[in-house]
Every structure is written in C-alpha cells, then in structure tokens.
Amino acid sequence: ENYEIYYENGTVEIYQRAVYIVIGSGEFVYDGEAHSVSTWESKVFEDEEREYYAIVDGHTVNAKDVPSFTNVNETKEGNNVFTIDILNGEEVVTENYDIYYS
C-alpha cells in the first residue's frame, strides 16, 4: 500500500544449435540395381567462426531425399547429397538447429 511498484521485464533468448553433418559415402560394383547411402555423422569441433555441437541426446535423425544410383556414369565426387530432419519423439525440431553439411 505504501509503495508504487514498477516492473522491467527481462528477455530470454535461445539460439539455434550449430551442428556439422558429414554425409556418408559408399562403393558398389555395377549390378543393375539402384544403390544409396543414407549414413551421416555429426562432427563436434570449434573453428574461428563458431562451435559445432552434437545433436541433443534423445533426438533422432531422418534422412530426406536420399538419392540412388544405378549406373557408373552417375558416379562423381559429392553426388550423395541429402538433407535431414531432426525429431524429438514425433515432433520435428529441425528449426532449432543451424545445420551445416559436408
């Protein structure tokens, strides 16, 4: 009663988690069948620009748009390109990550 109280609210900021994803490679002998490699790994390191973290424990990864290859002429370095979705249970939480691919 004897006081007039004013509040100044604070701010909480949460930044995207930087992750560095290395797309897998594979080798196959021609057999007329389509082959694909959907493996990946997350590298944890720090460079001059940022620190890269592992994906949060308990989150899972789904590879999207994984290409397949059948013929020798489709072979070239860097041709295995796909993206990932990161999930927390059934919820897609990819937007919480800043993903760099290699």
PDB file of N, CA and C in Angstrom:
ATOM      1  N   GLU A   1       0.797  -1.186   0.000  1.00  0.00           N
ATOM      2  CA  GLU A   1       0.000   0.000   0.000  1.00  0.00           C
ATOM      3  C   GLU A   1       0.852   1.269   0.000  1.00  0.00           C
ATOM      4  N   ASN A   2       1.957   1.171   0.622  1.00  0.00           N
ATOM      5  CA  ASN A   2       2.806   2.347   0.736  1.00  0.00           C
ATOM      6  C   ASN A   2       3.782   2.483  -0.430  1.00  0.00           C
ATOM      7  N   TYR A   3       3.724   1.537  -1.378  1.00  0.00           N
ATOM      8  CA  TYR A   3       4.666   1.548  -2.483  1.00  0.00           C
ATOM      9  C   TYR A   3       3.924   1.505  -3.812  1.00  0.00           C
ATOM     10  N   GLU A   4       4.512   2.158  -4.796  1.00  0.00           N
ATOM     11  CA  GLU A   4       4.059   2.009  -6.168  1.00  0.00           C
ATOM     12  C   GLU A   4       5.155   1.227  -6.881  1.00  0.00           C
ATOM     13  N   ILE A   5       4.854   0.022  -7.320  1.00  0.00           N
ATOM     14  CA  ILE A   5       5.875  -0.878  -7.873  1.00  0.00           C
ATOM     15  C   ILE A   5       5.795  -0.891  -9.391  1.00  0.00           C
ATOM     16  N   TYR A   6       6.960  -0.777 -10.027  1.00  0.00           N
ATOM     17  CA  TYR A   6       7.093  -0.863 -11.481  1.00  0.00           C
ATOM     18  C   TYR A   6       8.001  -2.050 -11.787  1.00  0.00           C
ATOM     19  N   TYR A   7       7.685  -2.733 -12.874  1.00  0.00           N
ATOM     20  CA  TYR A   7       8.481  -3.887 -13.272  1.00  0.00           C
ATOM     21  C   TYR A   7       9.125  -3.619 -14.622  1.00  0.00           C
ATOM     22  N   GLU A   8      10.338  -4.101 -14.786  1.00  0.00           N
ATOM     23  CA  GLU A   8      11.005  -4.096 -16.079  1.00  0.00           C
ATOM     24  C   GLU A   8      11.321  -5.553 -16.386  1.00  0.00           C
ATOM     25  N   ASN A   9      10.672  -6.061 -17.425  1.00  0.00           N
ATOM     26  CA  ASN A   9      10.816  -7.470 -17.759  1.00  0.00           C
ATOM     27  C   ASN A   9      12.158  -7.759 -18.418  1.00  0.00           C
ATOM     28  N   GLY A  10      12.703  -8.922 -18.137  1.00  0.00           N
ATOM     29  CA  GLY A  10      13.924  -9.385 -18.769  1.00  0.00           C
ATOM     30  C   GLY A  10      13.607 -10.125 -20.063  1.00  0.00           C
ATOM     31  N   THR A  11      14.641 -10.537 -20.761  1.00  0.00           N
ATOM     32  CA  THR A  11      14.497 -11.254 -22.025  1.00  0.00           C
ATOM     33  C   THR A  11      15.289 -12.549 -21.954  1.00  0.00           C
ATOM     34  N   VAL A  12      14.683 -13.633 -22.395  1.00  0.00           N
ATOM     35  CA  VAL A  12      15.366 -14.914 -22.511  1.00  0.00           C
ATOM     36  C   VAL A  12      15.514 -15.212 -23.994  1.00  0.00           C
ATOM     37  N   GLU A  13      16.733 -15.464 -24.437  1.00  0.00           N
ATOM     38  CA  GLU A  13      16.980 -15.795 -25.840  1.00  0.00           C
ATOM     39  C   GLU A  13      17.547 -17.201 -25.928  1.00  0.00           C
ATOM     40  N   ILE A  14      17.047 -17.944 -26.876  1.00  0.00           N
ATOM     41  CA  ILE A  14      17.569 -19.283 -27.165  1.00  0.00           C
ATOM     42  C   ILE A  14      18.044 -19.267 -28.608  1.00  0.00           C
ATOM     43  N   TYR A  15      19.293 -19.649 -28.818  1.00  0.00           N
ATOM     44  CA  TYR A  15      19.888 -19.639 -30.150  1.00  0.00           C
ATOM     45  C   TYR A  15      19.881 -21.041 -30.741  1.00  0.00           C
ATOM     46  N   GLN A  16      19.876 -21.093 -32.069  1.00  0.00           N
ATOM     47  CA  GLN A  16      19.946 -22.385 -32.743  1.00  0.00           C
ATOM     48  C   GLN A  16      21.253 -23.085 -32.378  1.00  0.00           C
ATOM     49  N   ARG A  17      21.185 -24.404 -32.298  1.00  0.00           N
ATOM     50  CA  ARG A  17      22.346 -25.237 -32.004  1.00  0.00           C
ATOM     51  C   ARG A  17      23.051 -25.539 -33.325  1.00  0.00           C
ATOM     52  N   ALA A  18      24.288 -25.119 -33.471  1.00  0.00           N
ATOM     53  CA  ALA A  18      25.049 -25.365 -34.702  1.00  0.00           C
ATOM     54  C   ALA A  18      25.526 -26.818 -34.725  1.00  0.00           C
ATOM     55  N   VAL A  19      25.170 -27.545 -35.788  1.00  0.00           N
ATOM     56  CA  VAL A  19      25.642 -28.920 -35.963  1.00  0.00           C
ATOM     57  C   VAL A  19      26.262 -29.048 -37.346  1.00  0.00           C
ATOM     58  N   TYR A  20      27.293 -29.875 -37.428  1.00  0.00           N
ATOM     59  CA  TYR A  20      28.028 -30.101 -38.670  1.00  0.00           C
ATOM     60  C   TYR A  20      27.804 -31.547 -39.063  1.00  0.00           C
ATOM     61  N   ILE A  21      27.126 -31.761 -40.177  1.00  0.00           N
ATOM     62  CA  ILE A  21      26.750 -33.102 -40.617  1.00  0.00           C
ATOM     63  C   ILE A  21      27.620 -33.518 -41.797  1.00  0.00           C
ATOM     64  N   VAL A  22      28.262 -34.674 -41.667  1.00  0.00           N
ATOM     65  CA  VAL A  22      29.054 -35.253 -42.754  1.00  0.00           C
ATOM     66  C   VAL A  22      28.231 -36.377 -43.368  1.00  0.00           C
ATOM     67  N   ILE A  23      27.902 -36.230 -44.653  1.00  0.00           N
ATOM     68  CA  ILE A  23      27.116 -37.220 -45.380  1.00  0.00           C
ATOM     69  C   ILE A  23      28.026 -38.396 -45.747  1.00  0.00           C
ATOM     70  N   GLY A  24      27.504 -39.612 -45.585  1.00  0.00           N
ATOM     71  CA  GLY A  24      28.275 -40.816 -45.854  1.00  0.00           C
ATOM     72  C   GLY A  24      28.556 -41.060 -47.325  1.00  0.00           C
ATOM     73  N   SER A  25      29.511 -41.946 -47.560  1.00  0.00           N
ATOM     74  CA  SER A  25      29.895 -42.359 -48.909  1.00  0.00           C
ATOM     75  C   SER A  25      29.813 -43.876 -48.994  1.00  0.00           C
ATOM     76  N   GLY A  26      29.810 -44.410 -50.199  1.00  0.00           N
ATOM     77  CA  GLY A  26      29.788 -45.851 -50.385  1.00  0.00           C
ATOM     78  C   GLY A  26      30.314 -46.218 -51.754  1.00  0.00           C
ATOM     79  N   GLU A  27      30.653 -47.492 -51.909  1.00  0.00           N
ATOM     80  CA  GLU A  27      31.140 -48.019 -53.185  1.00  0.00           C
ATOM     81  C   GLU A  27      30.386 -49.296 -53.499  1.00  0.00           C
ATOM     82  N   PHE A  28      30.031 -49.455 -54.769  1.00  0.00           N
ATOM     83  CA  PHE A  28      29.305 -50.633 -55.209  1.00  0.00           C
ATOM     84  C   PHE A  28      29.846 -51.070 -56.556  1.00  0.00           C
ATOM     85  N   VAL A  29      29.848 -52.366 -56.819  1.00  0.00           N
ATOM     86  CA  VAL A  29      30.171 -52.895 -58.139  1.00  0.00           C
ATOM     87  C   VAL A  29      28.869 -52.915 -58.935  1.00  0.00           C
ATOM     88  N   TYR A  30      28.923 -52.484 -60.191  1.00  0.00           N
ATOM     89  CA  TYR A  30      27.721 -52.418 -61.018  1.00  0.00           C
ATOM     90  C   TYR A  30      27.004 -53.762 -61.028  1.00  0.00           C
ATOM     91  N   ASP A  31      25.702 -53.733 -60.723  1.00  0.00           N
ATOM     92  CA  ASP A  31      24.885 -54.952 -60.754  1.00  0.00           C
ATOM     93  C   ASP A  31      23.493 -54.690 -61.319  1.00  0.00           C
ATOM     94  N   GLY A  32      23.287 -53.490 -61.887  1.00  0.00           N
ATOM     95  CA  GLY A  32      21.993 -53.150 -62.465  1.00  0.00           C
ATOM     96  C   GLY A  32      20.962 -52.711 -61.442  1.00  0.00           C
ATOM     97  N   GLU A  33      21.299 -52.738 -60.169  1.00  0.00           N
ATOM     98  CA  GLU A  33      20.388 -52.348 -59.088  1.00  0.00           C
ATOM     99  C   GLU A  33      20.697 -50.929 -58.619  1.00  0.00           C
ATOM    100  N   ALA A  34      19.691 -50.271 -58.095  1.00  0.00           N
ATOM    101  CA  ALA A  34      19.892 -48.939 -57.521  1.00  0.00           C
ATOM    102  C   ALA A  34      20.491 -49.068 -56.127  1.00  0.00           C
ATOM    103  N   HIS A  35      21.454 -48.206 -55.817  1.00  0.00           N
ATOM    104  CA  HIS A  35      22.108 -48.210 -54.508  1.00  0.00           C
ATOM    105  C   HIS A  35      22.056 -46.802 -53.917  1.00  0.00           C
ATOM    106  N   SER A  36      21.976 -46.735 -52.609  1.00  0.00           N
ATOM    107  CA  SER A  36      22.011 -45.443 -51.926  1.00  0.00           C
ATOM    108  C   SER A  36      22.735 -45.603 -50.598  1.00  0.00           C
ATOM    109  N   VAL A  37      23.202 -44.486 -50.082  1.00  0.00           N
ATOM    110  CA  VAL A  37      23.865 -44.445 -48.782  1.00  0.00           C
ATOM    111  C   VAL A  37      23.219 -43.308 -47.995  1.00  0.00           C
ATOM    112  N   SER A  38      22.564 -43.657 -46.901  1.00  0.00           N
ATOM    113  CA  SER A  38      21.880 -42.620 -46.107  1.00  0.00           C
ATOM    114  C   SER A  38      22.544 -42.436 -44.745  1.00  0.00           C
ATOM    115  N   THR A  39      23.813 -42.811 -44.643  1.00  0.00           N
ATOM    116  CA  THR A  39      24.518 -42.646 -43.376  1.00  0.00           C
ATOM    117  C   THR A  39      25.025 -41.215 -43.244  1.00  0.00           C
ATOM    118  N   TRP A  40      25.228 -40.818 -42.022  1.00  0.00           N
ATOM    119  CA  TRP A  40      25.717 -39.486 -41.711  1.00  0.00           C
ATOM    120  C   TRP A  40      26.386 -39.542 -40.350  1.00  0.00           C
ATOM    121  N   GLU A  41      27.162 -38.537 -40.058  1.00  0.00           N
ATOM    122  CA  GLU A  41      27.716 -38.391 -38.712  1.00  0.00           C
ATOM    123  C   GLU A  41      27.770 -36.920 -38.365  1.00  0.00           C
ATOM    124  N   SER A  42      27.677 -36.652 -37.098  1.00  0.00           N
ATOM    125  CA  SER A  42      27.750 -35.288 -36.600  1.00  0.00           C
ATOM    126  C   SER A  42      29.145 -35.082 -36.029  1.00  0.00           C
ATOM    127  N   LYS A  43      29.848 -34.061 -36.515  1.00  0.00           N
ATOM    128  CA  LYS A  43      31.192 -33.761 -36.018  1.00  0.00           C
ATOM    129  C   LYS A  43      31.100 -32.648 -34.982  1.00  0.00           C
ATOM    130  N   VAL A  44      31.808 -32.822 -33.886  1.00  0.00           N
ATOM    131  CA  VAL A  44      31.852 -31.817 -32.827  1.00  0.00           C
ATOM    132  C   VAL A  44      33.239 -31.175 -32.865  1.00  0.00           C
ATOM    133  N   PHE A  45      33.271 -29.865 -33.109  1.00  0.00           N
ATOM    134  CA  PHE A  45      34.545 -29.149 -33.132  1.00  0.00           C
ATOM    135  C   PHE A  45      34.276 -27.652 -33.090  1.00  0.00           C
ATOM    136  N   GLU A  46      35.347 -26.896 -33.014  1.00  0.00           N
ATOM    137  CA  GLU A  46      35.245 -25.445 -32.995  1.00  0.00           C
ATOM    138  C   GLU A  46      36.195 -24.888 -34.035  1.00  0.00           C
ATOM    139  N   ASP A  47      35.730 -23.924 -34.831  1.00  0.00           N
ATOM    140  CA  ASP A  47      36.615 -23.229 -35.757  1.00  0.00           C
ATOM    141  C   ASP A  47      36.610 -21.738 -35.405  1.00  0.00           C
ATOM    142  N   GLU A  48      37.160 -20.920 -36.286  1.00  0.00           N
ATOM    143  CA  GLU A  48      37.262 -19.488 -35.983  1.00  0.00           C
ATOM    144  C   GLU A  48      35.897 -18.815 -35.868  1.00  0.00           C
ATOM    145  N   GLU A  49      34.890 -19.379 -36.553  1.00  0.00           N
ATOM    146  CA  GLU A  49      33.586 -18.734 -36.611  1.00  0.00           C
ATOM    147  C   GLU A  49      32.603 -19.195 -35.549  1.00  0.00           C
ATOM    148  N   ARG A  50      32.630 -20.483 -35.198  1.00  0.00           N
ATOM    149  CA  ARG A  50      31.601 -20.996 -34.280  1.00  0.00           C
ATOM    150  C   ARG A  50      32.023 -22.347 -33.712  1.00  0.00           C
ATOM    151  N   GLU A  51      31.231 -22.757 -32.733  1.00  0.00           N
ATOM    152  CA  GLU A  51      31.399 -24.087 -32.142  1.00  0.00           C
ATOM    153  C   GLU A  51      30.267 -24.965 -32.660  1.00  0.00           C
ATOM    154  N   TYR A  52      30.612 -26.183 -33.084  1.00  0.00           N
ATOM    155  CA  TYR A  52      29.630 -27.142 -33.577  1.00  0.00           C
ATOM    156  C   TYR A  52      29.391 -28.190 -32.495  1.00  0.00           C
ATOM    157  N   TYR A  53      28.133 -28.467 -32.242  1.00  0.00           N
ATOM    158  CA  TYR A  53      27.732 -29.376 -31.174  1.00  0.00           C
ATOM    159  C   TYR A  53      27.169 -30.668 -31.749  1.00  0.00           C
ATOM    160  N   ALA A  54      27.054 -31.668 -30.881  1.00  0.00           N
ATOM    161  CA  ALA A  54      26.354 -32.899 -31.254  1.00  0.00           C
ATOM    162  C   ALA A  54      24.855 -32.623 -31.218  1.00  0.00           C
ATOM    163  N   ILE A  55      24.106 -33.473 -31.862  1.00  0.00           N
ATOM    164  CA  ILE A  55      22.648 -33.384 -31.786  1.00  0.00           C
ATOM    165  C   ILE A  55      22.246 -33.725 -30.358  1.00  0.00           C
ATOM    166  N   VAL A  56      21.227 -33.057 -29.840  1.00  0.00           N
ATOM    167  CA  VAL A  56      20.779 -33.228 -28.460  1.00  0.00           C
ATOM    168  C   VAL A  56      20.459 -34.701 -28.187  1.00  0.00           C
ATOM    169  N   ASP A  57      20.914 -35.196 -27.022  1.00  0.00           N
ATOM    170  CA  ASP A  57      20.608 -36.572 -26.630  1.00  0.00           C
ATOM    171  C   ASP A  57      19.112 -36.805 -26.665  1.00  0.00           C
ATOM    172  N   GLY A  58      18.713 -37.922 -27.219  1.00  0.00           N
ATOM    173  CA  GLY A  58      17.305 -38.270 -27.309  1.00  0.00           C
ATOM    174  C   GLY A  58      16.653 -37.839 -28.612  1.00  0.00           C
ATOM    175  N   HIS A  59      17.282 -36.911 -29.343  1.00  0.00           N
ATOM    176  CA  HIS A  59      16.749 -36.518 -30.642  1.00  0.00           C
ATOM    177  C   HIS A  59      17.197 -37.539 -31.681  1.00  0.00           C
ATOM    178  N   THR A  60      16.363 -37.754 -32.670  1.00  0.00           N
ATOM    179  CA  THR A  60      16.687 -38.704 -33.737  1.00  0.00           C
ATOM    180  C   THR A  60      16.737 -37.962 -35.066  1.00  0.00           C
ATOM    181  N   VAL A  61      17.311 -38.624 -36.064  1.00  0.00           N
ATOM    182  CA  VAL A  61      17.501 -38.009 -37.369  1.00  0.00           C
ATOM    183  C   VAL A  61      16.866 -38.882 -38.447  1.00  0.00           C
ATOM    184  N   ASN A  62      16.151 -38.241 -39.361  1.00  0.00           N
ATOM    185  CA  ASN A  62      15.627 -38.901 -40.554  1.00  0.00           C
ATOM    186  C   ASN A  62      16.274 -38.262 -41.767  1.00  0.00           C
ATOM    187  N   ALA A  63      16.880 -39.088 -42.622  1.00  0.00           N
ATOM    188  CA  ALA A  63      17.443 -38.587 -43.873  1.00  0.00           C
ATOM    189  C   ALA A  63      16.304 -38.355 -44.866  1.00  0.00           C
ATOM    190  N   LYS A  64      16.360 -37.235 -45.595  1.00  0.00           N
ATOM    191  CA  LYS A  64      15.320 -36.889 -46.570  1.00  0.00           C
ATOM    192  C   LYS A  64      15.922 -36.808 -47.963  1.00  0.00           C
ATOM    193  N   ASP A  65      15.146 -37.260 -48.951  1.00  0.00           N
ATOM    194  CA  ASP A  65      15.531 -37.137 -50.361  1.00  0.00           C
ATOM    195  C   ASP A  65      16.886 -37.765 -50.653  1.00  0.00           C
ATOM    196  N   VAL A  66      17.098 -38.977 -50.136  1.00  0.00           N
ATOM    197  CA  VAL A  66      18.355 -39.689 -50.361  1.00  0.00           C
ATOM    198  C   VAL A  66      18.382 -40.176 -51.817  1.00  0.00           C
ATOM    199  N   PRO A  67      19.410 -39.785 -52.575  1.00  0.00           N
ATOM    200  CA  PRO A  67      19.466 -40.205 -53.980  1.00  0.00           C
ATOM    201  C   PRO A  67      19.887 -41.668 -54.098  1.00  0.00           C
ATOM    202  N   SER A  68      19.528 -42.264 -55.213  1.00  0.00           N
ATOM    203  CA  SER A  68      20.018 -43.616 -55.508  1.00  0.00           C
ATOM    204  C   SER A  68      20.723 -43.578 -56.859  1.00  0.00           C
ATOM    205  N   PHE A  69      21.651 -44.503 -57.025  1.00  0.00           N
ATOM    206  CA  PHE A  69      22.492 -44.543 -58.217  1.00  0.00           C
ATOM    207  C   PHE A  69      22.545 -45.967 -58.742  1.00  0.00           C
ATOM    208  N   THR A  70      22.471 -46.104 -60.069  1.00  0.00           N
ATOM    209  CA  THR A  70      22.494 -47.422 -60.693  1.00  0.00           C
ATOM    210  C   THR A  70      23.694 -47.587 -61.618  1.00  0.00           C
ATOM    211  N   ASN A  71      24.006 -46.558 -62.394  1.00  0.00           N
ATOM    212  CA  ASN A  71      24.994 -46.657 -63.470  1.00  0.00           C
ATOM    213  C   ASN A  71      26.312 -45.989 -63.114  1.00  0.00           C
ATOM    214  N   VAL A  72      27.375 -46.503 -63.723  1.00  0.00           N
ATOM    215  CA  VAL A  72      28.720 -45.985 -63.489  1.00  0.00           C
ATOM    216  C   VAL A  72      28.795 -44.498 -63.833  1.00  0.00           C
ATOM    217  N   ASN A  73      28.116 -44.064 -64.899  1.00  0.00           N
ATOM    218  CA  ASN A  73      28.220 -42.662 -65.318  1.00  0.00           C
ATOM    219  C   ASN A  73      27.566 -41.688 -64.337  1.00  0.00           C
ATOM    220  N   GLU A  74      26.863 -42.190 -63.327  1.00  0.00           N
ATOM    221  CA  GLU A  74      26.283 -41.322 -62.295  1.00  0.00           C
ATOM    222  C   GLU A  74      27.276 -41.035 -61.169  1.00  0.00           C
ATOM    223  N   THR A  75      28.429 -41.677 -61.243  1.00  0.00           N
ATOM    224  CA  THR A  75      29.438 -41.562 -60.196  1.00  0.00           C
ATOM    225  C   THR A  75      30.254 -40.293 -60.377  1.00  0.00           C
ATOM    226  N   LYS A  76      30.270 -39.474 -59.335  1.00  0.00           N
ATOM    227  CA  LYS A  76      31.158 -38.316 -59.281  1.00  0.00           C
ATOM    228  C   LYS A  76      31.278 -37.899 -57.828  1.00  0.00           C
ATOM    229  N   GLU A  77      32.358 -37.249 -57.495  1.00  0.00           N
ATOM    230  CA  GLU A  77      32.586 -36.827 -56.118  1.00  0.00           C
ATOM    231  C   GLU A  77      31.513 -35.822 -55.699  1.00  0.00           C
ATOM    232  N   GLY A  78      30.983 -36.029 -54.515  1.00  0.00           N
ATOM    233  CA  GLY A  78      29.996 -35.111 -53.971  1.00  0.00           C
ATOM    234  C   GLY A  78      28.583 -35.334 -54.482  1.00  0.00           C
ATOM    235  N   ASN A  79      28.304 -36.465 -55.132  1.00  0.00           N
ATOM    236  CA  ASN A  79      26.965 -36.686 -55.685  1.00  0.00           C
ATOM    237  C   ASN A  79      25.960 -37.185 -54.654  1.00  0.00           C
ATOM    238  N   ASN A  80      26.404 -37.601 -53.488  1.00  0.00           N
ATOM    239  CA  ASN A  80      25.478 -38.091 -52.463  1.00  0.00           C
ATOM    240  C   ASN A  80      25.071 -36.916 -51.574  1.00  0.00           C
ATOM    241  N   VAL A  81      23.995 -36.249 -51.964  1.00  0.00           N
ATOM    242  CA  VAL A  81      23.539 -35.048 -51.269  1.00  0.00           C
ATOM    243  C   VAL A  81      22.116 -35.281 -50.774  1.00  0.00           C
ATOM    244  N   PHE A  82      21.912 -35.097 -49.479  1.00  0.00           N
ATOM    245  CA  PHE A  82      20.560 -35.152 -48.923  1.00  0.00           C
ATOM    246  C   PHE A  82      20.497 -34.270 -47.702  1.00  0.00           C
ATOM    247  N   THR A  83      19.301 -34.056 -47.198  1.00  0.00           N
ATOM    248  CA  THR A  83      19.123 -33.255 -46.002  1.00  0.00           C
ATOM    249  C   THR A  83      18.530 -34.132 -44.905  1.00  0.00           C
ATOM    250  N   ILE A  84      18.460 -33.583 -43.711  1.00  0.00           N
ATOM    251  CA  ILE A  84      17.937 -34.345 -42.581  1.00  0.00           C
ATOM    252  C   ILE A  84      16.844 -33.568 -41.872  1.00  0.00           C
ATOM    253  N   ASP A  85      15.974 -34.306 -41.227  1.00  0.00           N
ATOM    254  CA  ASP A  85      15.036 -33.761 -40.253  1.00  0.00           C
ATOM    255  C   ASP A  85      15.478 -34.264 -38.891  1.00  0.00           C
ATOM    256  N   ILE A  86      15.423 -33.417 -37.893  1.00  0.00           N
ATOM    257  CA  ILE A  86      15.756 -33.809 -36.527  1.00  0.00           C
ATOM    258  C   ILE A  86      14.459 -33.841 -35.735  1.00  0.00           C
ATOM    259  N   LEU A  87      14.255 -34.943 -35.014  1.00  0.00           N
ATOM    260  CA  LEU A  87      12.999 -35.141 -34.289  1.00  0.00           C
ATOM    261  C   LEU A  87      13.231 -35.317 -32.807  1.00  0.00           C
ATOM    262  N   ASN A  88      12.292 -34.795 -32.036  1.00  0.00           N
ATOM    263  CA  ASN A  88      12.220 -35.051 -30.607  1.00  0.00           C
ATOM    264  C   ASN A  88      10.932 -35.856 -30.432  1.00  0.00           C
ATOM    265  N   GLY A  89      11.078 -37.176 -30.415  1.00  0.00           N
ATOM    266  CA  GLY A  89       9.905 -38.043 -30.455  1.00  0.00           C
ATOM    267  C   GLY A  89       9.276 -37.922 -31.827  1.00  0.00           C
ATOM    268  N   GLU A  90       8.020 -37.527 -31.894  1.00  0.00           N
ATOM    269  CA  GLU A  90       7.310 -37.352 -33.163  1.00  0.00           C
ATOM    270  C   GLU A  90       7.415 -35.914 -33.692  1.00  0.00           C
ATOM    271  N   GLU A  91       7.873 -35.002 -32.838  1.00  0.00           N
ATOM    272  CA  GLU A  91       7.910 -33.583 -33.205  1.00  0.00           C
ATOM    273  C   GLU A  91       9.182 -33.247 -33.987  1.00  0.00           C
ATOM    274  N   VAL A  92       9.010 -32.618 -35.140  1.00  0.00           N
ATOM    275  CA  VAL A  92      10.154 -32.158 -35.936  1.00  0.00           C
ATOM    276  C   VAL A  92      10.691 -30.880 -35.282  1.00  0.00           C
ATOM    277  N   VAL A  93      11.973 -30.915 -34.897  1.00  0.00           N
ATOM    278  CA  VAL A  93      12.594 -29.774 -34.215  1.00  0.00           C
ATOM    279  C   VAL A  93      13.789 -29.229 -35.001  1.00  0.00           C
ATOM    280  N   THR A  94      13.820 -29.512 -36.292  1.00  0.00           N
ATOM    281  CA  THR A  94      14.937 -29.107 -37.143  1.00  0.00           C
ATOM    282  C   THR A  94      15.199 -27.606 -37.066  1.00  0.00           C
ATOM    283  N   GLU A  95      14.149 -26.804 -36.923  1.00  0.00           N
ATOM    284  CA  GLU A  95      14.316 -25.345 -36.910  1.00  0.00           C
ATOM    285  C   GLU A  95      15.122 -24.862 -35.697  1.00  0.00           C
ATOM    286  N   ASN A  96      15.322 -25.723 -34.711  1.00  0.00           N
ATOM    287  CA  ASN A  96      16.129 -25.358 -33.554  1.00  0.00           C
ATOM    288  C   ASN A  96      17.627 -25.569 -33.791  1.00  0.00           C
ATOM    289  N   TYR A  97      17.957 -26.063 -34.965  1.00  0.00           N
ATOM    290  CA  TYR A  97      19.344 -26.358 -35.322  1.00  0.00           C
ATOM    291  C   TYR A  97      19.780 -25.499 -36.498  1.00  0.00           C
ATOM    292  N   ASP A  98      21.040 -25.110 -36.485  1.00  0.00           N
ATOM    293  CA  ASP A  98      21.684 -24.437 -37.607  1.00  0.00           C
ATOM    294  C   ASP A  98      22.587 -25.491 -38.230  1.00  0.00           C
ATOM    295  N   ILE A  99      22.142 -26.105 -39.325  1.00  0.00           N
ATOM    296  CA  ILE A  99      22.805 -27.299 -39.868  1.00  0.00           C
ATOM    297  C   ILE A  99      23.753 -26.920 -41.004  1.00  0.00           C
ATOM    298  N   TYR A 100      24.991 -27.394 -40.891  1.00  0.00           N
ATOM    299  CA  TYR A 100      25.995 -27.252 -41.936  1.00  0.00           C
ATOM    300  C   TYR A 100      26.282 -28.645 -42.464  1.00  0.00           C
ATOM    301  N   TYR A 101      26.299 -28.779 -43.796  1.00  0.00           N
ATOM    302  CA  TYR A 101      26.525 -30.086 -44.439  1.00  0.00           C
ATOM    303  C   TYR A 101      27.892 -30.124 -45.084  1.00  0.00           C
ATOM    304  N   SER A 102      28.483 -31.320 -45.077  1.00  0.00           N
ATOM    305  CA  SER A 102      29.743 -31.538 -45.758  1.00  0.00           C
ATOM    306  C   SER A 102      29.660 -32.827 -46.533  1.00  0.00           C
TER     307      SER A 102
END
